[in-house]
C-alpha atoms as a PDB file:
ATOM      1  CA  UNK A   1      90.777  98.984  91.534  1.00  0.00           C
ATOM      2  CA  UNK A   2      91.821  95.722  93.223  1.00  0.00           C
ATOM      3  CA  UNK A   3      95.099  97.150  94.622  1.00  0.00           C
ATOM      4  CA  UNK A   4      93.170 100.152  95.918  1.00  0.00           C
ATOM      5  CA  UNK A   5      90.597  97.936  97.657  1.00  0.00           C
ATOM      6  CA  UNK A   6      93.352  95.876  99.292  1.00  0.00           C
ATOM      7  CA  UNK A   7      95.173  98.970 100.542  1.00  0.00           C
ATOM      8  CA  UNK A   8      91.971 100.535 101.871  1.00  0.00           C
ATOM      9  CA  UNK A   9      91.034  97.277 103.631  1.00  0.00           C
ATOM     10  CA  UNK A  10      94.431  97.113 105.333  1.00  0.00           C
ATOM     11  CA  UNK A  11      94.245 100.767 106.348  1.00  0.00           C
ATOM     12  CA  UNK A  12      90.714 100.329 107.701  1.00  0.00           C
ATOM     13  CA  UNK A  13      91.782  97.300 109.758  1.00  0.00           C
ATOM     14  CA  UNK A  14      94.764  99.217 111.117  1.00  0.00           C
ATOM     15  CA  UNK A  15      92.536 102.184 111.948  1.00  0.00           C
ATOM     16  CA  UNK A  16      89.981 100.026 113.744  1.00  0.00           C
ATOM     17  CA  UNK A  17      92.749  98.315 115.730  1.00  0.00           C
ATOM     18  CA  UNK A  18      94.007 101.740 116.818  1.00  0.00           C
ATOM     19  CA  UNK A  19      90.477 102.778 117.791  1.00  0.00           C
ATOM     20  CA  UNK A  20      89.932  99.599 119.803  1.00  0.00           C
ATOM     21  CA  UNK A  21      93.301  99.826 121.560  1.00  0.00           C
ATOM     22  CA  UNK A  22      94.208  96.274 120.551  1.00  0.00           C
ATOM     23  CA  UNK A  23      96.827  97.153 117.945  1.00  0.00           C
ATOM     24  CA  UNK A  24      99.809  94.735 117.867  1.00  0.00           C
ATOM     25  CA  UNK A  25     102.145  97.754 118.131  1.00  0.00           C
ATOM     26  CA  UNK A  26     100.441  99.212 121.233  1.00  0.00           C
ATOM     27  CA  UNK A  27     103.590  98.965 123.373  1.00  0.00           C
ATOM     28  CA  UNK A  28     105.574 100.785 120.705  1.00  0.00           C
ATOM     29  CA  UNK A  29     102.921 103.516 120.593  1.00  0.00           C
ATOM     30  CA  UNK A  30     103.261 103.873 124.381  1.00  0.00           C
ATOM     31  CA  UNK A  31     107.042 104.101 123.956  1.00  0.00           C
ATOM     32  CA  UNK A  32     106.563 106.830 121.322  1.00  0.00           C
ATOM     33  CA  UNK A  33     104.226 108.692 123.667  1.00  0.00           C
ATOM     34  CA  UNK A  34     101.321 108.749 121.223  1.00  0.00           C
ATOM     35  CA  UNK A  35      99.104 106.169 122.896  1.00  0.00           C
ATOM     36  CA  UNK A  36      96.679 108.904 123.977  1.00  0.00           C
ATOM     37  CA  UNK A  37      96.296 109.941 120.336  1.00  0.00           C
ATOM     38  CA  UNK A  38      95.395 106.470 119.003  1.00  0.00           C
ATOM     39  CA  UNK A  39      91.646 107.185 118.652  1.00  0.00           C
ATOM     40  CA  UNK A  40      92.400 110.324 116.650  1.00  0.00           C
ATOM     41  CA  UNK A  41      95.039 108.562 114.534  1.00  0.00           C
ATOM     42  CA  UNK A  42      92.765 105.561 113.937  1.00  0.00           C
ATOM     43  CA  UNK A  43      89.852 107.793 112.922  1.00  0.00           C
ATOM     44  CA  UNK A  44      92.085 109.816 110.602  1.00  0.00           C
ATOM     45  CA  UNK A  45      93.470 106.666 108.999  1.00  0.00           C
ATOM     46  CA  UNK A  46      89.979 105.349 108.280  1.00  0.00           C
ATOM     47  CA  UNK A  47      88.742 108.707 106.976  1.00  0.00           C
ATOM     48  CA  UNK A  48      91.777 109.194 104.718  1.00  0.00           C
ATOM     49  CA  UNK A  49      91.460 105.626 103.403  1.00  0.00           C
ATOM     50  CA  UNK A  50      87.806 106.232 102.516  1.00  0.00           C
ATOM     51  CA  UNK A  51      88.704 109.475 100.752  1.00  0.00           C
ATOM     52  CA  UNK A  52      91.363 107.558  98.816  1.00  0.00           C
ATOM     53  CA  UNK A  53      88.845 104.877  97.824  1.00  0.00           C
ATOM     54  CA  UNK A  54      86.295 107.051  96.053  1.00  0.00           C
ATOM     55  CA  UNK A  55      87.311 108.487  92.662  1.00  0.00           C
ATOM     56  CA  UNK A  56      85.912 111.956  93.364  1.00  0.00           C
ATOM     57  CA  UNK A  57      88.135 112.369  96.438  1.00  0.00           C
ATOM     58  CA  UNK A  58      91.041 110.049  95.617  1.00  0.00           C
ATOM     59  CA  UNK A  59      93.498 112.902  95.052  1.00  0.00           C
ATOM     60  CA  UNK A  60      92.706 114.416  98.443  1.00  0.00           C
ATOM     61  CA  UNK A  61      92.947 110.964 100.031  1.00  0.00           C
ATOM     62  CA  UNK A  62      96.342 110.383  98.417  1.00  0.00           C
ATOM     63  CA  UNK A  63      97.590 113.739  99.689  1.00  0.00           C
ATOM     64  CA  UNK A  64      96.313 113.148 103.232  1.00  0.00           C
ATOM     65  CA  UNK A  65      97.613 109.566 103.393  1.00  0.00           C
ATOM     66  CA  UNK A  66     101.005 110.782 102.192  1.00  0.00           C
ATOM     67  CA  UNK A  67     101.066 113.391 104.966  1.00  0.00           C
ATOM     68  CA  UNK A  68      99.843 110.851 107.546  1.00  0.00           C
ATOM     69  CA  UNK A  69     102.482 108.262 106.720  1.00  0.00           C
ATOM     70  CA  UNK A  70     105.132 110.945 106.235  1.00  0.00           C
ATOM     71  CA  UNK A  71     104.486 112.003 109.818  1.00  0.00           C
ATOM     72  CA  UNK A  72     104.655 108.382 110.934  1.00  0.00           C
ATOM     73  CA  UNK A  73     108.025 108.019 109.195  1.00  0.00           C
ATOM     74  CA  UNK A  74     109.274 111.173 110.936  1.00  0.00           C
ATOM     75  CA  UNK A  75     108.205 109.848 114.346  1.00  0.00           C
ATOM     76  CA  UNK A  76     109.939 106.510 113.696  1.00  0.00           C
ATOM     77  CA  UNK A  77     113.308 107.999 112.672  1.00  0.00           C
ATOM     78  CA  UNK A  78     114.840 107.919 116.191  1.00  0.00           C
ATOM     79  CA  UNK A  79     113.846 104.255 116.518  1.00  0.00           C
ATOM     80  CA  UNK A  80     115.188 103.251 113.072  1.00  0.00           C
ATOM     81  CA  UNK A  81     111.801 101.732 112.205  1.00  0.00           C
ATOM     82  CA  UNK A  82     110.944 103.856 109.163  1.00  0.00           C
ATOM     83  CA  UNK A  83     110.102 100.804 107.034  1.00  0.00           C
ATOM     84  CA  UNK A  84     106.903 100.215 109.025  1.00  0.00           C
ATOM     85  CA  UNK A  85     105.105 103.298 107.710  1.00  0.00           C
ATOM     86  CA  UNK A  86     107.146 103.531 104.492  1.00  0.00           C
ATOM     87  CA  UNK A  87     105.879 100.205 103.108  1.00  0.00           C
ATOM     88  CA  UNK A  88     102.175 101.166 103.202  1.00  0.00           C
ATOM     89  CA  UNK A  89     103.041 104.561 101.751  1.00  0.00           C
ATOM     90  CA  UNK A  90     104.857 102.989  98.800  1.00  0.00           C
ATOM     91  CA  UNK A  91     101.947 100.582  98.246  1.00  0.00           C
ATOM     92  CA  UNK A  92      99.481 103.496  98.343  1.00  0.00           C
ATOM     93  CA  UNK A  93     101.476 105.348  95.671  1.00  0.00           C
ATOM     94  CA  UNK A  94     101.822 102.235  93.502  1.00  0.00           C
ATOM     95  CA  UNK A  95      98.066 101.608  93.702  1.00  0.00           C
ATOM     96  CA  UNK A  96      97.401 105.265  92.862  1.00  0.00           C
ATOM     97  CA  UNK A  97      99.723 105.025  89.853  1.00  0.00           C
ATOM     98  CA  UNK A  98      98.009 101.869  88.613  1.00  0.00           C
ATOM     99  CA  UNK A  99      94.563 103.358  89.134  1.00  0.00           C
ATOM    100  CA  UNK A 100      95.066 106.890  87.846  1.00  0.00           C
ATOM    101  CA  UNK A 101      98.278 107.464  85.897  1.00  0.00           C
ATOM    102  CA  UNK A 102      97.183 110.967  84.974  1.00  0.00           C
ATOM    103  CA  UNK A 103      98.146 112.033  88.508  1.00  0.00           C
ATOM    104  CA  UNK A 104     101.765 111.261  87.716  1.00  0.00           C
ATOM    105  CA  UNK A 105     102.165 111.468  83.941  1.00  0.00           C
ATOM    106  CA  UNK A 106     100.732 114.093  81.634  1.00  0.00           C
ATOM    107  CA  UNK A 107      98.898 111.903  79.130  1.00  0.00           C
ATOM    108  CA  UNK A 108      97.322 114.754  77.175  1.00  0.00           C
ATOM    109  CA  UNK A 109      99.041 115.684  73.961  1.00  0.00           C
ATOM    110  CA  UNK A 110      98.834 119.253  72.855  1.00  0.00           C
ATOM    111  CA  UNK A 111      99.362 120.529  69.347  1.00  0.00           C
ATOM    112  CA  UNK A 112     102.600 122.062  68.299  1.00  0.00           C
ATOM    113  CA  UNK A 113     104.525 123.867  70.956  1.00  0.00           C
ATOM    114  CA  UNK A 114     103.446 127.440  71.365  1.00  0.00           C
ATOM    115  CA  UNK A 115     105.740 129.835  69.588  1.00  0.00           C
ATOM    116  CA  UNK A 116     106.650 133.038  71.374  1.00  0.00           C
ATOM    117  CA  UNK A 117     104.993 136.118  70.001  1.00  0.00           C
ATOM    118  CA  UNK A 118     107.214 139.133  69.414  1.00  0.00           C
ATOM    119  CA  UNK A 119     105.733 142.591  68.932  1.00  0.00           C
END
């Protein structure tokens, strides 16, 4: 759970910085034309991070964070700055793998493979 807590803390800080308008990347957000959307993006980042934190909603949080950072990567493509959103996304997936491997690997073993039935 430690990697998950660290990721959620970083996402929450980033979200609060977007909400406050004091994000270190504010000039880049203006250049991208999304500065008017920062409160919405900051709120979404915090909400998705909280969903990711709690076990009952971690799968939904992982899905939403993947979509969020996937969109951020898409926006950054013309500026060749995809690593900015890609790094947190990779860390989110690594933390999810460490925390809940069953999302990625089928750990259940079934009996013998089902044989086809012919009539």
